[in-house]
Amino acid sequence: MRSLLLTCAISASLAPQVLAQVPVQQAPIQKAPQMVPTELRSHDFGTVARSAKTEHRFPITNIYQQPMQISSVRTSCGCTTPIIEKQILQPGETGSILARFNTGTHTGQKKATLTVSITAPVFTELQLNVQGYIRSDIVFNPVEINFGTVAEGAGKTLDVDLAYAGRNDWKVLGVTAAEPFLKPSLQEVSRKNGQVSYKISVELLGNAPAGSIQTQLTLQTNDNRLTKVPLALSAVVQSNLEVSPQQLALGELKAGETVEHRFVVRGMKPFRILEVQAEDMEVQFDPPAEPKAVHLVTLRITPDPVKGKGAASLTFKTDLPDDLSVNSKLTYNFARQSGTVESAKPLAVLP
């Protein structure tokens, strides 16, 4: 009996050591700070005018090897409206959460916490923060400078009115633009009994690059509480020649396999497609006989299994002046002999 009791005592003393070696399974909730770097999780709008268009985009990257689903985003304050701009992100893809500061319905110092919920491939949440001070004594009409769609090289000029109510000596000292293709100017229209109005003009020059433009003008004032006033500006400069899709993933291919895909090539005036070239792959198509402003082109693409690098650029050459051409980027990979399906985990290399 004595030996039996001694054996039990020794076993009991060793039990915690044995149990300590058994790994404990973690809870399914995972935190992924790499999705939005810490330094990009907060944004200060600063001091802005009443009813001014005030927005900020938080980048969010899918760090997993499976598609990531952003299911919802909630806000702690009605002063900010959060918008998911793309709910499904592919591995390595970067989307954004748009934070819209509601300057038309709120004034004073405001701040909000935005909680983003991700439900696939794992469940996790992350928080984003915004703040700013909304002035009620400055109003822009319209609330932003929006050029809409402008043809490349055409240029355009727009005006915005600024109204101020307060100090008799309040002044706008100047206006500047962050982009060299924007030329702003300023004119004081009236001043009486603390009511001041200005006309702000800005010219979008013909050398503006094609694509979407999201920027702002900055007004300098003599107000110590508000030395700089931002004014949002947006435009879409339409290229003289563009292709869709601009990027295409061909997926996994067998050696020597040919894939077909349709491209839309659009110009500002009728043109012909003379040739389509790509490095390390064979490209065949039937050249359109007649000039058109929009071409639907079906390409037969065969990547070279020996020289192919997994990425290439298609070049559509046309008969437009200056031998104008446009590019579309392709990615692909060749099927391996064997492979395994991995569980959800972060990518080894982030973009």
Protein backbone atom coordinates (compact mmCIF):
# COMPACT_ATOMS: atom_id res chain seq x y z
CA MET A 1 0.00 0.00 0.00
CA ARG A 2 2.81 2.35 0.89
CA SER A 3 4.43 1.77 -2.55
CA LEU A 4 1.14 2.40 -4.29
CA LEU A 5 0.62 5.73 -2.51
CA LEU A 6 4.18 6.77 -3.33
CA THR A 7 3.66 5.92 -7.01
CA CYS A 8 0.44 7.99 -7.13
CA ALA A 9 2.14 10.95 -5.49
CA ILE A 10 4.99 10.88 -8.00
CA SER A 11 2.52 10.64 -10.93
CA ALA A 12 0.53 13.60 -9.61
CA SER A 13 3.65 15.72 -9.28
CA LEU A 14 4.63 14.98 -12.89
CA ALA A 15 1.15 15.56 -14.35
CA PRO A 16 1.39 19.37 -14.66
CA GLN A 17 4.67 19.01 -16.57
CA VAL A 18 3.08 16.59 -19.03
CA LEU A 19 0.03 18.79 -19.51
CA ALA A 20 2.23 21.84 -20.03
CA GLN A 21 3.67 20.22 -23.12
CA VAL A 22 0.24 19.86 -24.77
CA PRO A 23 -0.48 22.89 -27.01
CA VAL A 24 -3.68 24.77 -26.24
CA GLN A 25 -5.83 25.50 -29.27
CA GLN A 26 -6.32 29.23 -29.88
CA ALA A 27 -9.72 30.88 -30.19
CA PRO A 28 -10.94 31.36 -33.80
CA ILE A 29 -10.84 35.18 -33.53
CA GLN A 30 -7.63 36.50 -35.07
CA LYS A 31 -6.20 39.98 -35.06
CA ALA A 32 -4.40 41.13 -38.20
CA PRO A 33 -2.77 44.55 -37.74
CA GLN A 34 -1.01 44.21 -41.11
CA MET A 35 -4.34 44.79 -42.91
CA VAL A 36 -4.10 48.49 -42.05
CA PRO A 37 -0.71 49.68 -40.74
CA THR A 38 -0.93 51.26 -37.29
CA GLU A 39 0.21 54.65 -38.55
CA LEU A 40 -2.66 54.69 -41.10
CA ARG A 41 -5.49 53.82 -38.70
CA SER A 42 -6.20 57.41 -37.65
CA HIS A 43 -6.93 60.53 -39.68
CA ASP A 44 -7.37 64.16 -38.60
CA PHE A 45 -9.39 66.25 -41.07
CA GLY A 46 -8.22 69.36 -39.25
CA THR A 47 -10.47 72.43 -39.42
CA VAL A 48 -12.92 72.38 -42.32
CA ALA A 49 -15.69 74.63 -43.64
CA ARG A 50 -19.40 73.99 -43.13
CA SER A 51 -20.87 71.74 -45.87
CA ALA A 52 -17.42 71.16 -47.42
CA LYS A 53 -16.92 67.74 -49.00
CA THR A 54 -14.55 66.04 -46.57
CA GLU A 55 -13.58 62.39 -47.09
CA HIS A 56 -10.71 60.03 -46.32
CA ARG A 57 -9.93 56.53 -47.57
CA PHE A 58 -8.35 53.98 -45.23
CA PRO A 59 -6.48 51.29 -47.25
CA ILE A 60 -7.16 47.70 -46.20
CA THR A 61 -5.19 44.73 -47.59
CA ASN A 62 -6.13 41.05 -47.74
CA ILE A 63 -3.15 39.32 -46.06
CA TYR A 64 -4.65 35.83 -46.42
CA GLN A 65 -4.31 33.17 -49.10
CA GLN A 66 -8.09 33.03 -49.60
CA PRO A 67 -10.62 35.74 -50.57
CA MET A 68 -11.41 38.07 -47.67
CA GLN A 69 -14.93 39.34 -46.97
CA ILE A 70 -15.56 42.69 -45.27
CA SER A 71 -19.08 42.19 -43.96
CA SER A 72 -19.84 45.49 -42.21
CA VAL A 73 -18.50 48.69 -40.68
CA ARG A 74 -20.19 50.65 -37.89
CA THR A 75 -19.56 54.13 -36.54
CA SER A 76 -19.64 55.53 -33.02
CA CYS A 77 -20.84 58.97 -34.19
CA GLY A 78 -23.32 60.24 -36.77
CA CYS A 79 -20.77 62.86 -37.75
CA THR A 80 -19.04 60.25 -39.92
CA THR A 81 -20.51 57.86 -42.49
CA PRO A 82 -18.31 54.81 -43.26
CA ILE A 83 -18.59 53.06 -46.64
CA ILE A 84 -17.11 49.71 -47.71
CA GLU A 85 -15.88 50.37 -51.24
CA LYS A 86 -15.25 46.69 -52.03
CA GLN A 87 -16.53 43.82 -49.89
CA ILE A 88 -14.54 40.92 -51.39
CA LEU A 89 -10.76 41.27 -51.69
CA GLN A 90 -8.60 38.67 -53.41
CA PRO A 91 -5.29 37.54 -51.82
CA GLY A 92 -2.87 40.46 -51.74
CA GLU A 93 -5.50 42.91 -53.07
CA THR A 94 -5.96 46.30 -51.40
CA GLY A 95 -9.37 47.94 -51.02
CA SER A 96 -10.54 50.83 -48.88
CA ILE A 97 -12.97 52.04 -46.25
CA LEU A 98 -14.28 55.52 -47.09
CA ALA A 99 -14.90 57.82 -44.11
CA ARG A 100 -17.23 60.70 -45.03
CA PHE A 101 -17.24 63.60 -42.54
CA ASN A 102 -20.80 64.97 -42.39
CA THR A 103 -19.99 68.67 -42.37
CA GLY A 104 -23.45 69.67 -43.58
CA THR A 105 -25.25 68.37 -40.48
CA HIS A 106 -22.64 68.77 -37.72
CA THR A 107 -20.45 71.58 -36.39
CA GLY A 108 -17.71 71.92 -33.80
CA GLN A 109 -15.14 69.35 -32.70
CA LYS A 110 -16.19 65.84 -33.77
CA LYS A 111 -14.58 62.40 -33.70
CA ALA A 112 -15.66 58.86 -34.51
CA THR A 113 -14.43 55.28 -34.19
CA LEU A 114 -15.15 53.02 -37.17
CA THR A 115 -15.26 49.28 -36.41
CA VAL A 116 -14.66 47.06 -39.45
CA SER A 117 -15.91 43.44 -39.26
CA ILE A 118 -14.27 40.74 -41.40
CA THR A 119 -15.99 37.34 -41.56
CA ALA A 120 -13.87 35.31 -44.01
CA PRO A 121 -11.54 33.49 -44.17
CA VAL A 122 -11.37 34.19 -40.41
CA PHE A 123 -13.37 36.43 -38.10
CA THR A 124 -11.61 39.58 -36.97
CA GLU A 125 -12.32 43.25 -36.28
CA LEU A 126 -10.22 46.39 -36.55
CA GLN A 127 -10.86 49.97 -35.52
CA LEU A 128 -10.21 53.18 -37.45
CA ASN A 129 -10.43 56.70 -36.04
CA VAL A 130 -11.28 60.10 -37.52
CA GLN A 131 -11.64 63.57 -36.04
CA GLY A 132 -11.95 67.17 -37.12
CA TYR A 133 -13.38 70.61 -36.34
CA ILE A 134 -16.25 71.87 -38.51
CA ARG A 135 -16.48 75.68 -38.80
CA SER A 136 -19.97 77.14 -39.24
CA ASP A 137 -18.81 80.61 -40.35
CA ILE A 138 -17.35 79.49 -43.71
CA VAL A 139 -19.46 77.97 -46.50
CA PHE A 140 -18.49 76.86 -50.02
CA ASN A 141 -21.00 76.82 -52.89
CA PRO A 142 -20.81 74.26 -54.42
CA VAL A 143 -19.23 72.19 -51.65
CA GLU A 144 -16.42 70.92 -53.93
CA ILE A 145 -14.81 71.54 -57.28
CA ASN A 146 -15.98 68.65 -59.45
CA PHE A 147 -14.85 68.78 -63.09
CA GLY A 148 -16.66 65.55 -63.94
CA THR A 149 -15.27 63.79 -67.04
CA VAL A 150 -12.86 65.80 -69.19
CA ALA A 151 -11.19 64.62 -72.40
CA GLU A 152 -7.42 64.27 -72.16
CA GLY A 153 -5.74 67.49 -73.29
CA ALA A 154 -8.98 69.51 -73.32
CA GLY A 155 -8.71 71.43 -70.04
CA LYS A 156 -11.56 73.11 -68.15
CA THR A 157 -12.23 75.97 -65.68
CA LEU A 158 -14.69 76.02 -62.75
CA ASP A 159 -15.70 78.57 -60.09
CA VAL A 160 -16.68 78.20 -56.43
CA ASP A 161 -18.15 80.87 -54.14
CA LEU A 162 -16.93 81.28 -50.57
CA ALA A 163 -19.12 83.04 -47.98
CA TYR A 164 -17.82 84.10 -44.55
CA ALA A 165 -19.71 85.62 -41.61
CA GLY A 166 -17.77 86.96 -38.64
CA ARG A 167 -14.87 89.38 -38.30
CA ASN A 168 -14.81 92.54 -40.40
CA ASP A 169 -11.07 92.12 -41.17
CA TRP A 170 -11.20 88.42 -42.15
CA LYS A 171 -9.33 87.75 -45.41
CA VAL A 172 -8.22 84.98 -47.73
CA LEU A 173 -4.57 85.72 -48.45
CA GLY A 174 -4.05 83.20 -51.25
CA VAL A 175 -4.94 79.83 -52.73
CA THR A 176 -2.59 77.02 -53.77
CA ALA A 177 -2.90 73.62 -55.47
CA ALA A 178 -0.88 70.47 -54.74
CA GLU A 179 -0.77 69.45 -58.43
CA PRO A 180 1.13 71.32 -61.16
CA PHE A 181 -1.71 70.81 -63.69
CA LEU A 182 -4.11 72.92 -61.56
CA LYS A 183 -4.03 76.74 -61.77
CA PRO A 184 -6.16 78.42 -59.05
CA SER A 185 -6.98 82.12 -58.67
CA LEU A 186 -8.87 84.23 -56.14
CA GLN A 187 -11.09 87.35 -56.29
CA GLU A 188 -12.78 89.20 -53.42
CA VAL A 189 -16.36 89.99 -54.46
CA SER A 190 -17.85 91.89 -51.51
CA ARG A 191 -17.22 92.93 -47.88
CA LYS A 192 -19.82 94.51 -45.57
CA ASN A 193 -20.70 94.24 -41.85
CA GLY A 194 -18.66 91.11 -41.30
CA GLN A 195 -20.05 89.41 -44.42
CA VAL A 196 -17.27 88.56 -46.88
CA SER A 197 -17.51 86.71 -50.19
CA TYR A 198 -14.88 85.44 -52.61
CA LYS A 199 -14.89 83.77 -56.01
CA ILE A 200 -12.36 80.97 -56.41
CA SER A 201 -11.48 79.87 -59.94
CA VAL A 202 -9.39 76.88 -60.87
CA GLU A 203 -8.24 75.76 -64.31
CA LEU A 204 -7.58 72.10 -65.07
CA LEU A 205 -4.75 72.37 -67.58
CA GLY A 206 -4.48 70.30 -70.73
CA ASN A 207 -1.43 68.41 -69.41
CA ALA A 208 -3.46 66.75 -66.63
CA PRO A 209 -2.77 62.99 -66.61
CA ALA A 210 -5.46 60.53 -67.63
CA GLY A 211 -7.34 58.84 -64.82
CA SER A 212 -9.16 59.77 -61.62
CA ILE A 213 -7.97 62.87 -59.76
CA GLN A 214 -8.76 63.32 -56.06
CA THR A 215 -6.99 66.27 -54.44
CA GLN A 216 -7.70 69.64 -52.83
CA LEU A 217 -6.97 73.35 -52.97
CA THR A 218 -5.66 75.10 -49.86
CA LEU A 219 -6.80 78.61 -48.93
CA GLN A 220 -4.53 80.67 -46.63
CA THR A 221 -6.35 83.10 -44.31
CA ASN A 222 -5.42 85.71 -41.68
CA ASP A 223 -7.43 83.79 -39.05
CA ASN A 224 -5.13 82.39 -36.34
CA ARG A 225 -7.71 79.69 -35.55
CA LEU A 226 -7.98 78.64 -39.18
CA THR A 227 -4.92 79.59 -41.19
CA LYS A 228 -5.61 76.94 -43.86
CA VAL A 229 -8.96 75.95 -45.38
CA PRO A 230 -9.13 72.86 -47.64
CA LEU A 231 -11.42 72.69 -50.67
CA ALA A 232 -11.95 69.25 -52.26
CA LEU A 233 -11.35 68.82 -55.99
CA SER A 234 -12.11 65.86 -58.24
CA ALA A 235 -11.98 65.05 -61.94
CA VAL A 236 -11.85 62.13 -64.35
CA VAL A 237 -9.55 62.77 -67.29
CA GLN A 238 -10.59 60.39 -70.05
CA SER A 239 -7.70 59.02 -72.06
CA ASN A 240 -7.65 59.39 -75.84
CA LEU A 241 -7.19 55.61 -75.90
CA GLU A 242 -8.03 53.09 -73.20
CA VAL A 243 -8.46 49.34 -72.81
CA SER A 244 -10.61 47.23 -70.53
CA PRO A 245 -9.71 45.21 -68.57
CA GLN A 246 -6.50 47.02 -67.71
CA GLN A 247 -5.44 44.03 -65.63
CA LEU A 248 -6.36 40.38 -66.18
CA ALA A 249 -5.50 37.20 -64.26
CA LEU A 250 -5.47 34.21 -66.62
CA GLY A 251 -5.28 31.78 -63.68
CA GLU A 252 -3.55 28.41 -63.73
CA LEU A 253 -2.62 27.12 -67.21
CA LYS A 254 -1.22 23.94 -68.65
CA ALA A 255 1.97 24.13 -70.70
CA GLY A 256 1.02 25.13 -74.26
CA GLU A 257 -2.58 25.95 -73.32
CA THR A 258 -4.33 28.74 -75.25
CA VAL A 259 -6.93 30.94 -73.58
CA GLU A 260 -9.36 33.37 -75.20
CA HIS A 261 -10.46 36.66 -73.71
CA ARG A 262 -12.34 39.68 -75.02
CA PHE A 263 -10.95 43.20 -74.62
CA VAL A 264 -12.68 46.53 -75.18
CA VAL A 265 -10.46 49.19 -76.75
CA ARG A 266 -12.02 52.67 -76.77
CA GLY A 267 -10.80 55.91 -78.36
CA MET A 268 -12.00 59.49 -78.63
CA LYS A 269 -12.43 59.06 -82.40
CA PRO A 270 -12.58 56.12 -84.89
CA PHE A 271 -9.34 54.16 -85.31
CA ARG A 272 -7.93 50.78 -86.38
CA ILE A 273 -6.04 48.25 -84.27
CA LEU A 274 -2.97 47.34 -86.27
CA GLU A 275 -1.20 44.90 -83.96
CA VAL A 276 -1.23 43.36 -80.49
CA GLN A 277 2.15 42.48 -78.99
CA ALA A 278 3.24 40.74 -75.78
CA GLU A 279 6.57 39.45 -74.49
CA ASP A 280 7.02 35.69 -73.90
CA MET A 281 3.63 34.72 -75.31
CA GLU A 282 1.90 34.24 -78.63
CA VAL A 283 -1.11 36.48 -79.33
CA GLN A 284 -3.51 35.99 -82.22
CA PHE A 285 -6.58 38.00 -83.20
CA ASP A 286 -8.61 39.04 -86.23
CA PRO A 287 -7.82 42.71 -86.99
CA PRO A 288 -11.01 44.79 -87.39
CA ALA A 289 -11.48 45.87 -90.98
CA GLU A 290 -13.23 49.19 -90.33
CA PRO A 291 -12.16 52.08 -88.08
CA LYS A 292 -14.35 52.41 -84.99
CA ALA A 293 -14.36 54.43 -81.79
CA VAL A 294 -14.95 51.23 -79.78
CA HIS A 295 -13.50 47.81 -80.68
CA LEU A 296 -14.43 44.44 -79.14
CA VAL A 297 -11.37 42.30 -79.71
CA THR A 298 -11.06 38.59 -78.87
CA LEU A 299 -7.45 37.55 -78.28
CA ARG A 300 -6.08 34.01 -78.31
CA ILE A 301 -3.22 33.99 -75.84
CA THR A 302 -0.60 31.24 -75.43
CA PRO A 303 2.10 31.94 -72.79
CA ASP A 304 5.53 30.39 -73.36
CA PRO A 305 6.04 27.70 -70.66
CA VAL A 306 9.84 28.08 -70.87
CA LYS A 307 10.37 31.85 -71.11
CA GLY A 308 7.14 32.94 -69.43
CA LYS A 309 7.66 34.89 -66.20
CA GLY A 310 4.09 34.78 -64.90
CA ALA A 311 3.39 38.36 -65.96
CA ALA A 312 3.26 40.21 -69.26
CA SER A 313 1.96 43.39 -70.85
CA LEU A 314 -0.29 43.41 -73.92
CA THR A 315 0.31 46.37 -76.22
CA PHE A 316 -2.51 47.40 -78.58
CA LYS A 317 -1.01 49.43 -81.44
CA THR A 318 -3.30 51.69 -83.50
CA ASP A 319 -3.27 54.01 -86.50
CA LEU A 320 -3.99 57.06 -84.33
CA PRO A 321 -1.57 60.03 -84.52
CA ASP A 322 1.85 59.58 -82.87
CA ASP A 323 1.42 55.78 -83.09
CA LEU A 324 -0.81 55.88 -80.02
CA SER A 325 -0.96 52.58 -78.14
CA VAL A 326 -2.40 51.26 -74.87
CA ASN A 327 -1.40 48.44 -72.51
CA SER A 328 -3.15 45.75 -70.47
CA LYS A 329 -1.31 43.75 -67.79
CA LEU A 330 -1.62 39.95 -67.62
CA THR A 331 -0.73 37.53 -64.81
CA TYR A 332 -0.76 33.73 -64.91
CA ASN A 333 0.91 30.61 -63.56
CA PHE A 334 1.49 27.10 -64.85
CA ALA A 335 -0.08 24.06 -63.17
CA ARG A 336 2.20 22.11 -60.85
CA GLN A 337 2.37 18.35 -60.78
CA SER A 338 1.21 18.17 -57.18
CA GLY A 339 -0.03 20.56 -54.54
CA THR A 340 -1.80 20.80 -51.23
CA VAL A 341 -4.65 22.95 -50.01
CA GLU A 342 -3.58 25.19 -47.16
CA SER A 343 -5.72 26.58 -44.39
CA ALA A 344 -6.33 30.29 -43.99
CA LYS A 345 -3.11 32.04 -43.00
CA PRO A 346 -1.41 35.34 -43.79
CA LEU A 347 0.54 35.73 -47.00
CA ALA A 348 4.29 35.54 -46.61
CA VAL A 349 4.89 38.75 -48.54
CA LEU A 350 2.56 41.75 -48.39
CA PRO A 351 2.21 44.13 -51.31
